[in-house]
């Protein structure tokens, strides 16, 4: 319990969440994959 509480609190300073995303148009859906 103490380790989980400590780790959760540390995450607030040690973690810097960031992300990237993009959107692509589907060309073709075939039987074995997607282009």
ModelCIF file with pLDDT and N, C-alpha, C, O atoms, coordinates in Angstrom:
data_MODEL
#
_entry.id   MODEL 
#
_entity.id                         1 
_entity.type                       polymer 
_entity.pdbx_number_of_molecules   1 
#
_entity_poly.entity_id                      1 
_entity_poly.type                           'polypeptide(L)' 
_entity_poly.nstd_linkage                   no 
_entity_poly.nstd_monomer                   no 
_entity_poly.pdbx_seq_one_letter_code       
;(UNK)(UNK)(UNK)(UNK)(UNK)(UNK)(UNK)(UNK)(UNK)(UNK)(UNK)(UNK)(UNK)(UNK)(UNK)(UNK)
(UNK)(UNK)(UNK)(UNK)(UNK)(UNK)(UNK)(UNK)(UNK)(UNK)(UNK)(UNK)(UNK)(UNK)(UNK)(UNK)
(UNK)(UNK)(UNK)
;
_entity_poly.pdbx_seq_one_letter_code_can   XXXXXXXXXXXXXXXXXXXXXXXXXXXXXXXXXXX 
_entity_poly.pdbx_strand_id                 A 
#
loop_
_entity_poly_seq.entity_id 
_entity_poly_seq.num 
_entity_poly_seq.mon_id 
_entity_poly_seq.hetero 
1 1  UNK n 
1 2  UNK n 
1 3  UNK n 
1 4  UNK n 
1 5  UNK n 
1 6  UNK n 
1 7  UNK n 
1 8  UNK n 
1 9  UNK n 
1 10 UNK n 
1 11 UNK n 
1 12 UNK n 
1 13 UNK n 
1 14 UNK n 
1 15 UNK n 
1 16 UNK n 
1 17 UNK n 
1 18 UNK n 
1 19 UNK n 
1 20 UNK n 
1 21 UNK n 
1 22 UNK n 
1 23 UNK n 
1 24 UNK n 
1 25 UNK n 
1 26 UNK n 
1 27 UNK n 
1 28 UNK n 
1 29 UNK n 
1 30 UNK n 
1 31 UNK n 
1 32 UNK n 
1 33 UNK n 
1 34 UNK n 
1 35 UNK n 
#
_struct_asym.id          A 
_struct_asym.entity_id   1 
#
loop_
_ma_qa_metric.id 
_ma_qa_metric.mode 
_ma_qa_metric.name 
_ma_qa_metric.software_group_id 
_ma_qa_metric.type 
1 global pLDDT . pLDDT 
2 local  pLDDT . pLDDT 
#
_ma_qa_metric_global.metric_id      1 
_ma_qa_metric_global.metric_value   95.54 
_ma_qa_metric_global.model_id       1 
_ma_qa_metric_global.ordinal_id     1 
#
loop_
_ma_qa_metric_local.label_asym_id 
_ma_qa_metric_local.label_comp_id 
_ma_qa_metric_local.label_seq_id 
_ma_qa_metric_local.metric_id 
_ma_qa_metric_local.metric_value 
_ma_qa_metric_local.model_id 
_ma_qa_metric_local.ordinal_id 
A UNK 1  2 92.00 1 1  
A UNK 2  2 94.00 1 2  
A UNK 3  2 94.00 1 3  
A UNK 4  2 95.00 1 4  
A UNK 5  2 95.00 1 5  
A UNK 6  2 95.00 1 6  
A UNK 7  2 96.00 1 7  
A UNK 8  2 96.00 1 8  
A UNK 9  2 96.00 1 9  
A UNK 10 2 96.00 1 10 
A UNK 11 2 96.00 1 11 
A UNK 12 2 95.00 1 12 
A UNK 13 2 95.00 1 13 
A UNK 14 2 96.00 1 14 
A UNK 15 2 97.00 1 15 
A UNK 16 2 96.00 1 16 
A UNK 17 2 97.00 1 17 
A UNK 18 2 96.00 1 18 
A UNK 19 2 96.00 1 19 
A UNK 20 2 95.00 1 20 
A UNK 21 2 96.00 1 21 
A UNK 22 2 96.00 1 22 
A UNK 23 2 94.00 1 23 
A UNK 24 2 97.00 1 24 
A UNK 25 2 96.00 1 25 
A UNK 26 2 97.00 1 26 
A UNK 27 2 97.00 1 27 
A UNK 28 2 96.00 1 28 
A UNK 29 2 96.00 1 29 
A UNK 30 2 95.00 1 30 
A UNK 31 2 92.00 1 31 
A UNK 32 2 94.00 1 32 
A UNK 33 2 96.00 1 33 
A UNK 34 2 97.00 1 34 
A UNK 35 2 97.00 1 35 
#
loop_
_atom_site.group_PDB 
_atom_site.id 
_atom_site.type_symbol 
_atom_site.label_atom_id 
_atom_site.label_alt_id 
_atom_site.label_comp_id 
_atom_site.label_asym_id 
_atom_site.label_entity_id 
_atom_site.label_seq_id 
_atom_site.pdbx_PDB_ins_code 
_atom_site.Cartn_x 
_atom_site.Cartn_y 
_atom_site.Cartn_z 
_atom_site.occupancy 
_atom_site.B_iso_or_equiv 
_atom_site.pdbx_formal_charge 
_atom_site.auth_seq_id 
_atom_site.auth_comp_id 
_atom_site.auth_asym_id 
_atom_site.auth_atom_id 
_atom_site.pdbx_PDB_model_num 
ATOM 1   N N  . UNK A 1 1  ? 0.812   -1.220  0.000   1.00 92.00 ? 1  UNK A N  1 
ATOM 2   C CA . UNK A 1 1  ? 0.000   0.000   0.000   1.00 92.00 ? 1  UNK A CA 1 
ATOM 3   C C  . UNK A 1 1  ? 0.845   1.270   0.000   1.00 92.00 ? 1  UNK A C  1 
ATOM 4   O O  . UNK A 1 1  ? 0.566   2.202   -0.754  1.00 92.00 ? 1  UNK A O  1 
ATOM 5   N N  . UNK A 1 2  ? 1.882   1.312   0.846   1.00 94.00 ? 2  UNK A N  1 
ATOM 6   C CA . UNK A 1 2  ? 2.723   2.517   0.909   1.00 94.00 ? 2  UNK A CA 1 
ATOM 7   C C  . UNK A 1 2  ? 3.480   2.740   -0.404  1.00 94.00 ? 2  UNK A C  1 
ATOM 8   O O  . UNK A 1 2  ? 3.620   3.874   -0.861  1.00 94.00 ? 2  UNK A O  1 
ATOM 9   N N  . UNK A 1 3  ? 3.962   1.657   -1.000  1.00 94.00 ? 3  UNK A N  1 
ATOM 10  C CA . UNK A 1 3  ? 4.700   1.777   -2.262  1.00 94.00 ? 3  UNK A CA 1 
ATOM 11  C C  . UNK A 1 3  ? 3.782   2.249   -3.392  1.00 94.00 ? 3  UNK A C  1 
ATOM 12  O O  . UNK A 1 3  ? 4.184   3.065   -4.221  1.00 94.00 ? 3  UNK A O  1 
ATOM 13  N N  . UNK A 1 4  ? 2.558   1.738   -3.422  1.00 95.00 ? 4  UNK A N  1 
ATOM 14  C CA . UNK A 1 4  ? 1.609   2.157   -4.445  1.00 95.00 ? 4  UNK A CA 1 
ATOM 15  C C  . UNK A 1 4  ? 1.242   3.626   -4.262  1.00 95.00 ? 4  UNK A C  1 
ATOM 16  O O  . UNK A 1 4  ? 1.171   4.380   -5.233  1.00 95.00 ? 4  UNK A O  1 
ATOM 17  N N  . UNK A 1 5  ? 1.008   4.031   -3.008  1.00 95.00 ? 5  UNK A N  1 
ATOM 18  C CA . UNK A 1 5  ? 0.674   5.434   -2.740  1.00 95.00 ? 5  UNK A CA 1 
ATOM 19  C C  . UNK A 1 5  ? 1.837   6.351   -3.123  1.00 95.00 ? 5  UNK A C  1 
ATOM 20  O O  . UNK A 1 5  ? 1.635   7.406   -3.724  1.00 95.00 ? 5  UNK A O  1 
ATOM 21  N N  . UNK A 1 6  ? 3.053   5.937   -2.769  1.00 95.00 ? 6  UNK A N  1 
ATOM 22  C CA . UNK A 1 6  ? 4.236   6.746   -3.095  1.00 95.00 ? 6  UNK A CA 1 
ATOM 23  C C  . UNK A 1 6  ? 4.441   6.826   -4.602  1.00 95.00 ? 6  UNK A C  1 
ATOM 24  O O  . UNK A 1 6  ? 4.711   7.899   -5.140  1.00 95.00 ? 6  UNK A O  1 
ATOM 25  N N  . UNK A 1 7  ? 4.314   5.695   -5.277  1.00 96.00 ? 7  UNK A N  1 
ATOM 26  C CA . UNK A 1 7  ? 4.508   5.675   -6.723  1.00 96.00 ? 7  UNK A CA 1 
ATOM 27  C C  . UNK A 1 7  ? 3.481   6.503   -7.453  1.00 96.00 ? 7  UNK A C  1 
ATOM 28  O O  . UNK A 1 7  ? 3.806   7.200   -8.413  1.00 96.00 ? 7  UNK A O  1 
ATOM 29  N N  . UNK A 1 8  ? 2.227   6.431   -7.000  1.00 96.00 ? 8  UNK A N  1 
ATOM 30  C CA . UNK A 1 8  ? 1.165   7.213   -7.631  1.00 96.00 ? 8  UNK A CA 1 
ATOM 31  C C  . UNK A 1 8  ? 1.437   8.704   -7.478  1.00 96.00 ? 8  UNK A C  1 
ATOM 32  O O  . UNK A 1 8  ? 1.222   9.483   -8.407  1.00 96.00 ? 8  UNK A O  1 
ATOM 33  N N  . UNK A 1 9  ? 1.908   9.088   -6.306  1.00 96.00 ? 9  UNK A N  1 
ATOM 34  C CA . UNK A 1 9  ? 2.231   10.500  -6.085  1.00 96.00 ? 9  UNK A CA 1 
ATOM 35  C C  . UNK A 1 9  ? 3.435   10.922  -6.926  1.00 96.00 ? 9  UNK A C  1 
ATOM 36  O O  . UNK A 1 9  ? 3.455   12.024  -7.473  1.00 96.00 ? 9  UNK A O  1 
ATOM 37  N N  . UNK A 1 10 ? 4.435   10.052  -7.028  1.00 96.00 ? 10 UNK A N  1 
ATOM 38  C CA . UNK A 1 10 ? 5.609   10.362  -7.842  1.00 96.00 ? 10 UNK A CA 1 
ATOM 39  C C  . UNK A 1 10 ? 5.252   10.524  -9.316  1.00 96.00 ? 10 UNK A C  1 
ATOM 40  O O  . UNK A 1 10 ? 5.880   11.309  -10.027 1.00 96.00 ? 10 UNK A O  1 
ATOM 41  N N  . UNK A 1 11 ? 4.248   9.786   -9.774  1.00 96.00 ? 11 UNK A N  1 
ATOM 42  C CA . UNK A 1 11 ? 3.874   9.857   -11.189 1.00 96.00 ? 11 UNK A CA 1 
ATOM 43  C C  . UNK A 1 11 ? 3.464   11.273  -11.594 1.00 96.00 ? 11 UNK A C  1 
ATOM 44  O O  . UNK A 1 11 ? 3.583   11.648  -12.761 1.00 96.00 ? 11 UNK A O  1 
ATOM 45  N N  . UNK A 1 12 ? 2.989   12.048  -10.641 1.00 95.00 ? 12 UNK A N  1 
ATOM 46  C CA . UNK A 1 12 ? 2.541   13.407  -10.948 1.00 95.00 ? 12 UNK A CA 1 
ATOM 47  C C  . UNK A 1 12 ? 3.700   14.317  -11.337 1.00 95.00 ? 12 UNK A C  1 
ATOM 48  O O  . UNK A 1 12 ? 3.512   15.305  -12.047 1.00 95.00 ? 12 UNK A O  1 
ATOM 49  N N  . UNK A 1 13 ? 4.905   13.978  -10.866 1.00 95.00 ? 13 UNK A N  1 
ATOM 50  C CA . UNK A 1 13 ? 6.083   14.779  -11.229 1.00 95.00 ? 13 UNK A CA 1 
ATOM 51  C C  . UNK A 1 13 ? 6.981   14.076  -12.252 1.00 95.00 ? 13 UNK A C  1 
ATOM 52  O O  . UNK A 1 13 ? 7.685   14.737  -13.015 1.00 95.00 ? 13 UNK A O  1 
ATOM 53  N N  . UNK A 1 14 ? 6.958   12.739  -12.269 1.00 96.00 ? 14 UNK A N  1 
ATOM 54  C CA . UNK A 1 14 ? 7.843   11.992  -13.163 1.00 96.00 ? 14 UNK A CA 1 
ATOM 55  C C  . UNK A 1 14 ? 7.247   11.767  -14.551 1.00 96.00 ? 14 UNK A C  1 
ATOM 56  O O  . UNK A 1 14 ? 7.984   11.551  -15.513 1.00 96.00 ? 14 UNK A O  1 
ATOM 57  N N  . UNK A 1 15 ? 5.926   11.815  -14.661 1.00 97.00 ? 15 UNK A N  1 
ATOM 58  C CA . UNK A 1 15 ? 5.273   11.539  -15.947 1.00 97.00 ? 15 UNK A CA 1 
ATOM 59  C C  . UNK A 1 15 ? 4.860   12.837  -16.633 1.00 97.00 ? 15 UNK A C  1 
ATOM 60  O O  . UNK A 1 15 ? 4.284   13.730  -16.012 1.00 97.00 ? 15 UNK A O  1 
ATOM 61  N N  . UNK A 1 16 ? 5.164   12.922  -17.911 1.00 96.00 ? 16 UNK A N  1 
ATOM 62  C CA . UNK A 1 16 ? 4.779   14.081  -18.729 1.00 96.00 ? 16 UNK A CA 1 
ATOM 63  C C  . UNK A 1 16 ? 4.034   13.560  -19.963 1.00 96.00 ? 16 UNK A C  1 
ATOM 64  O O  . UNK A 1 16 ? 4.626   13.421  -21.033 1.00 96.00 ? 16 UNK A O  1 
ATOM 65  N N  . UNK A 1 17 ? 2.737   13.272  -19.815 1.00 97.00 ? 17 UNK A N  1 
ATOM 66  C CA . UNK A 1 17 ? 1.980   12.674  -20.927 1.00 97.00 ? 17 UNK A CA 1 
ATOM 67  C C  . UNK A 1 17 ? 1.894   13.600  -22.136 1.00 97.00 ? 17 UNK A C  1 
ATOM 68  O O  . UNK A 1 17 ? 1.564   14.780  -22.018 1.00 97.00 ? 17 UNK A O  1 
ATOM 69  N N  . UNK A 1 18 ? 2.199   13.033  -23.295 1.00 96.00 ? 18 UNK A N  1 
ATOM 70  C CA . UNK A 1 18 ? 2.114   13.762  -24.561 1.00 96.00 ? 18 UNK A CA 1 
ATOM 71  C C  . UNK A 1 18 ? 1.692   12.789  -25.640 1.00 96.00 ? 18 UNK A C  1 
ATOM 72  O O  . UNK A 1 18 ? 1.895   11.581  -25.516 1.00 96.00 ? 18 UNK A O  1 
ATOM 73  N N  . UNK A 1 19 ? 1.103   13.320  -26.703 1.00 96.00 ? 19 UNK A N  1 
ATOM 74  C CA . UNK A 1 19 ? 0.669   12.439  -27.770 1.00 96.00 ? 19 UNK A CA 1 
ATOM 75  C C  . UNK A 1 19 ? 0.664   13.106  -29.133 1.00 96.00 ? 19 UNK A C  1 
ATOM 76  O O  . UNK A 1 19 ? 0.641   14.331  -29.250 1.00 96.00 ? 19 UNK A O  1 
ATOM 77  N N  . UNK A 1 20 ? 0.688   12.268  -30.158 1.00 95.00 ? 20 UNK A N  1 
ATOM 78  C CA . UNK A 1 20 ? 0.575   12.700  -31.555 1.00 95.00 ? 20 UNK A CA 1 
ATOM 79  C C  . UNK A 1 20 ? -0.474  11.839  -32.229 1.00 95.00 ? 20 UNK A C  1 
ATOM 80  O O  . UNK A 1 20 ? -0.570  10.642  -31.957 1.00 95.00 ? 20 UNK A O  1 
ATOM 81  N N  . UNK A 1 21 ? -1.264  12.446  -33.112 1.00 96.00 ? 21 UNK A N  1 
ATOM 82  C CA . UNK A 1 21 ? -2.126  11.608  -33.934 1.00 96.00 ? 21 UNK A CA 1 
ATOM 83  C C  . UNK A 1 21 ? -2.404  12.290  -35.261 1.00 96.00 ? 21 UNK A C  1 
ATOM 84  O O  . UNK A 1 21 ? -2.263  13.504  -35.408 1.00 96.00 ? 21 UNK A O  1 
ATOM 85  N N  . UNK A 1 22 ? -2.800  11.479  -36.211 1.00 96.00 ? 22 UNK A N  1 
ATOM 86  C CA . UNK A 1 22 ? -3.195  11.997  -37.517 1.00 96.00 ? 22 UNK A CA 1 
ATOM 87  C C  . UNK A 1 22 ? -4.316  11.120  -38.048 1.00 96.00 ? 22 UNK A C  1 
ATOM 88  O O  . UNK A 1 22 ? -4.569  10.029  -37.538 1.00 96.00 ? 22 UNK A O  1 
ATOM 89  N N  . UNK A 1 23 ? -4.975  11.612  -39.070 1.00 94.00 ? 23 UNK A N  1 
ATOM 90  C CA . UNK A 1 23 ? -6.097  10.911  -39.676 1.00 94.00 ? 23 UNK A CA 1 
ATOM 91  C C  . UNK A 1 23 ? -5.752  10.610  -41.139 1.00 94.00 ? 23 UNK A C  1 
ATOM 92  O O  . UNK A 1 23 ? -5.356  11.508  -41.882 1.00 94.00 ? 23 UNK A O  1 
ATOM 93  N N  . UNK A 1 24 ? -5.902  9.357   -41.546 1.00 97.00 ? 24 UNK A N  1 
ATOM 94  C CA . UNK A 1 24 ? -5.647  8.960   -42.931 1.00 97.00 ? 24 UNK A CA 1 
ATOM 95  C C  . UNK A 1 24 ? -6.908  8.389   -43.564 1.00 97.00 ? 24 UNK A C  1 
ATOM 96  O O  . UNK A 1 24 ? -7.708  7.729   -42.900 1.00 97.00 ? 24 UNK A O  1 
ATOM 97  N N  . UNK A 1 25 ? -7.073  8.652   -44.850 1.00 96.00 ? 25 UNK A N  1 
ATOM 98  C CA . UNK A 1 25 ? -8.219  8.130   -45.592 1.00 96.00 ? 25 UNK A CA 1 
ATOM 99  C C  . UNK A 1 25 ? -7.936  6.703   -46.055 1.00 96.00 ? 25 UNK A C  1 
ATOM 100 O O  . UNK A 1 25 ? -6.868  6.412   -46.595 1.00 96.00 ? 25 UNK A O  1 
ATOM 101 N N  . UNK A 1 26 ? -8.895  5.831   -45.839 1.00 97.00 ? 26 UNK A N  1 
ATOM 102 C CA . UNK A 1 26 ? -8.764  4.444   -46.297 1.00 97.00 ? 26 UNK A CA 1 
ATOM 103 C C  . UNK A 1 26 ? -8.862  4.402   -47.818 1.00 97.00 ? 26 UNK A C  1 
ATOM 104 O O  . UNK A 1 26 ? -9.768  4.989   -48.410 1.00 97.00 ? 26 UNK A O  1 
ATOM 105 N N  . UNK A 1 27 ? -7.922  3.704   -48.437 1.00 97.00 ? 27 UNK A N  1 
ATOM 106 C CA . UNK A 1 27 ? -7.950  3.528   -49.889 1.00 97.00 ? 27 UNK A CA 1 
ATOM 107 C C  . UNK A 1 27 ? -8.716  2.259   -50.251 1.00 97.00 ? 27 UNK A C  1 
ATOM 108 O O  . UNK A 1 27 ? -9.650  2.288   -51.052 1.00 97.00 ? 27 UNK A O  1 
ATOM 109 N N  . UNK A 1 28 ? -8.306  1.149   -49.648 1.00 96.00 ? 28 UNK A N  1 
ATOM 110 C CA . UNK A 1 28 ? -8.945  -0.122  -49.980 1.00 96.00 ? 28 UNK A CA 1 
ATOM 111 C C  . UNK A 1 28 ? -8.809  -1.099  -48.816 1.00 96.00 ? 28 UNK A C  1 
ATOM 112 O O  . UNK A 1 28 ? -7.753  -1.197  -48.190 1.00 96.00 ? 28 UNK A O  1 
ATOM 113 N N  . UNK A 1 29 ? -9.887  -1.816  -48.539 1.00 96.00 ? 29 UNK A N  1 
ATOM 114 C CA . UNK A 1 29 ? -9.868  -2.899  -47.554 1.00 96.00 ? 29 UNK A CA 1 
ATOM 115 C C  . UNK A 1 29 ? -9.962  -4.205  -48.320 1.00 96.00 ? 29 UNK A C  1 
ATOM 116 O O  . UNK A 1 29 ? -10.978 -4.510  -48.944 1.00 96.00 ? 29 UNK A O  1 
ATOM 117 N N  . UNK A 1 30 ? -8.868  -4.977  -48.258 1.00 95.00 ? 30 UNK A N  1 
ATOM 118 C CA . UNK A 1 30 ? -8.840  -6.258  -48.954 1.00 95.00 ? 30 UNK A CA 1 
ATOM 119 C C  . UNK A 1 30 ? -8.992  -7.404  -47.986 1.00 95.00 ? 30 UNK A C  1 
ATOM 120 O O  . UNK A 1 30 ? -9.170  -7.175  -46.790 1.00 95.00 ? 30 UNK A O  1 
ATOM 121 N N  . UNK A 1 31 ? -8.929  -8.628  -48.462 1.00 92.00 ? 31 UNK A N  1 
ATOM 122 C CA . UNK A 1 31 ? -9.081  -9.793  -47.579 1.00 92.00 ? 31 UNK A CA 1 
ATOM 123 C C  . UNK A 1 31 ? -7.914  -9.989  -46.617 1.00 92.00 ? 31 UNK A C  1 
ATOM 124 O O  . UNK A 1 31 ? -8.057  -10.653 -45.591 1.00 92.00 ? 31 UNK A O  1 
ATOM 125 N N  . UNK A 1 32 ? -6.763  -9.413  -46.945 1.00 94.00 ? 32 UNK A N  1 
ATOM 126 C CA . UNK A 1 32 ? -5.576  -9.657  -46.112 1.00 94.00 ? 32 UNK A CA 1 
ATOM 127 C C  . UNK A 1 32 ? -4.952  -8.398  -45.539 1.00 94.00 ? 32 UNK A C  1 
ATOM 128 O O  . UNK A 1 32 ? -3.900  -8.470  -44.905 1.00 94.00 ? 32 UNK A O  1 
ATOM 129 N N  . UNK A 1 33 ? -5.585  -7.231  -45.750 1.00 96.00 ? 33 UNK A N  1 
ATOM 130 C CA . UNK A 1 33 ? -4.989  -6.018  -45.219 1.00 96.00 ? 33 UNK A CA 1 
ATOM 131 C C  . UNK A 1 33 ? -5.717  -4.770  -45.669 1.00 96.00 ? 33 UNK A C  1 
ATOM 132 O O  . UNK A 1 33 ? -6.745  -4.826  -46.344 1.00 96.00 ? 33 UNK A O  1 
ATOM 133 N N  . UNK A 1 34 ? -5.145  -3.631  -45.271 1.00 97.00 ? 34 UNK A N  1 
ATOM 134 C CA . UNK A 1 34 ? -5.769  -2.332  -45.523 1.00 97.00 ? 34 UNK A CA 1 
ATOM 135 C C  . UNK A 1 34 ? -4.729  -1.377  -46.095 1.00 97.00 ? 34 UNK A C  1 
ATOM 136 O O  . UNK A 1 34 ? -3.611  -1.293  -45.588 1.00 97.00 ? 34 UNK A O  1 
ATOM 137 N N  . UNK A 1 35 ? -5.100  -0.655  -47.156 1.00 97.00 ? 35 UNK A N  1 
ATOM 138 C CA . UNK A 1 35 ? -4.224  0.379   -47.713 1.00 97.00 ? 35 UNK A CA 1 
ATOM 139 C C  . UNK A 1 35 ? -4.857  1.743   -47.496 1.00 97.00 ? 35 UNK A C  1 
ATOM 140 O O  . UNK A 1 35 ? -4.284  2.759   -47.890 1.00 97.00 ? 35 UNK A O  1 
#
